[in-house]
């Protein structure tokens, strides 16, 4: 018997770790979809973007499908793609809103961010 994806999602909702992982997957999918639309608006094919970024076309395809990680894309590959699209990635490390940080620790945070 086959269970529809929405039914499976409903059944698993509330399972420890599921909701967070599901939301993360949805964000990655949306990111990939928006990146694809941006690429298409520039008139670039996946294959052209891949060649110009020094990547495999499958890498671009996986990224646009929202697949990160072992077989998907990493931030290193994203940093190769974005300049071709006229974009850049900015990294920063910040304390959590409720975390008090001394001036000395703020200096360490700035130094950490500059190394990303």
Protein backbone atom coordinates (compact mmCIF):
# COMPACT_ATOMS: atom_id res chain seq x y z
CA UNK A 1 0.00 0.00 0.00
CA UNK A 2 1.36 3.39 -1.00
CA UNK A 3 1.17 6.40 1.33
CA UNK A 4 0.97 9.87 -0.24
CA UNK A 5 3.78 12.28 0.69
CA UNK A 6 1.41 14.67 2.48
CA UNK A 7 0.00 11.81 4.58
CA UNK A 8 3.49 10.63 5.45
CA UNK A 9 4.50 14.17 6.39
CA UNK A 10 1.43 14.50 8.61
CA UNK A 11 2.19 11.19 10.33
CA UNK A 12 5.82 12.06 10.97
CA UNK A 13 5.16 15.63 12.12
CA UNK A 14 6.14 15.95 15.75
CA UNK A 15 8.69 13.14 15.56
CA UNK A 16 11.93 14.38 17.16
CA UNK A 17 14.06 16.07 14.49
CA UNK A 18 11.53 15.62 11.68
CA UNK A 19 9.97 19.08 11.72
CA UNK A 20 13.35 20.85 11.72
CA UNK A 21 14.69 18.65 8.95
CA UNK A 22 11.53 19.09 6.91
CA UNK A 23 11.66 22.89 7.22
CA UNK A 24 15.34 22.88 6.25
CA UNK A 25 14.59 20.76 3.18
CA UNK A 26 11.80 23.14 2.16
CA UNK A 27 14.11 26.16 2.52
CA UNK A 28 16.77 24.47 0.40
CA UNK A 29 14.20 23.61 -2.26
CA UNK A 30 12.93 27.18 -2.34
CA UNK A 31 16.49 28.53 -2.47
CA UNK A 32 17.28 26.24 -5.41
CA UNK A 33 14.09 27.19 -7.23
CA UNK A 34 14.75 30.90 -6.81
CA UNK A 35 18.35 30.46 -7.90
CA UNK A 36 17.13 28.62 -11.02
CA UNK A 37 14.71 31.44 -11.83
CA UNK A 38 17.52 33.97 -11.39
CA UNK A 39 19.80 31.95 -13.71
CA UNK A 40 17.04 31.65 -16.30
CA UNK A 41 16.32 35.40 -16.11
CA UNK A 42 19.96 35.95 -17.06
CA UNK A 43 19.49 33.63 -20.05
CA UNK A 44 21.99 31.03 -18.83
CA UNK A 45 21.54 27.29 -19.30
CA UNK A 46 22.61 24.98 -16.46
CA UNK A 47 25.37 23.60 -18.67
CA UNK A 48 26.75 27.07 -19.44
CA UNK A 49 26.70 28.05 -15.77
CA UNK A 50 28.44 24.81 -14.85
CA UNK A 51 31.21 25.27 -17.43
CA UNK A 52 31.81 28.89 -16.44
CA UNK A 53 31.89 27.94 -12.73
CA UNK A 54 34.18 24.94 -13.33
CA UNK A 55 31.56 22.48 -12.09
CA UNK A 56 29.62 19.54 -13.42
CA UNK A 57 26.14 20.28 -14.81
CA UNK A 58 24.78 17.69 -12.38
CA UNK A 59 26.07 19.82 -9.50
CA UNK A 60 24.03 22.79 -10.71
CA UNK A 61 21.00 20.56 -11.22
CA UNK A 62 21.23 19.10 -7.70
CA UNK A 63 21.64 22.53 -6.19
CA UNK A 64 18.59 23.88 -8.01
CA UNK A 65 16.67 20.83 -6.79
CA UNK A 66 17.57 21.76 -3.20
CA UNK A 67 19.98 18.88 -2.61
CA UNK A 68 22.93 19.86 -0.44
CA UNK A 69 25.38 17.67 1.40
CA UNK A 70 27.23 14.57 0.30
CA UNK A 71 25.95 14.48 -3.31
CA UNK A 72 24.60 18.03 -3.37
CA UNK A 73 26.41 21.30 -3.27
CA UNK A 74 28.54 22.85 -0.60
CA UNK A 75 29.18 26.50 0.18
CA UNK A 76 32.45 26.18 -1.73
CA UNK A 77 30.57 25.27 -4.90
CA UNK A 78 27.97 27.96 -4.26
CA UNK A 79 30.80 30.50 -4.11
CA UNK A 80 31.85 29.37 -7.62
CA UNK A 81 28.33 29.72 -9.01
CA UNK A 82 27.29 33.05 -7.54
CA UNK A 83 29.91 35.29 -9.22
CA UNK A 84 28.83 33.96 -12.63
CA UNK A 85 25.35 35.24 -11.75
CA UNK A 86 26.78 38.57 -10.56
CA UNK A 87 26.20 37.69 -6.90
CA UNK A 88 28.33 37.05 -3.83
CA UNK A 89 27.87 35.13 -0.61
CA UNK A 90 28.54 36.89 2.68
CA UNK A 91 29.37 34.80 5.74
CA UNK A 92 29.14 35.97 9.31
CA UNK A 93 29.24 34.44 12.74
CA UNK A 94 27.04 36.16 15.31
CA UNK A 95 26.06 35.33 18.85
CA UNK A 96 22.53 34.18 19.50
CA UNK A 97 20.24 37.11 20.39
CA UNK A 98 20.07 36.09 24.05
CA UNK A 99 23.86 35.58 24.33
CA UNK A 100 25.80 38.35 26.07
CA UNK A 101 29.22 38.86 24.49
CA UNK A 102 32.11 40.89 25.89
CA UNK A 103 34.08 43.34 23.74
CA UNK A 104 36.98 40.86 23.69
CA UNK A 105 34.69 38.10 22.46
CA UNK A 106 33.24 40.44 19.80
CA UNK A 107 36.79 40.88 18.45
CA UNK A 108 37.18 37.10 18.27
CA UNK A 109 33.84 36.83 16.44
CA UNK A 110 34.90 39.44 13.87
CA UNK A 111 38.15 37.55 13.33
CA UNK A 112 36.29 34.25 12.92
CA UNK A 113 33.92 35.78 10.37
CA UNK A 114 36.82 37.26 8.40
CA UNK A 115 38.30 33.76 7.99
CA UNK A 116 35.18 32.30 6.37
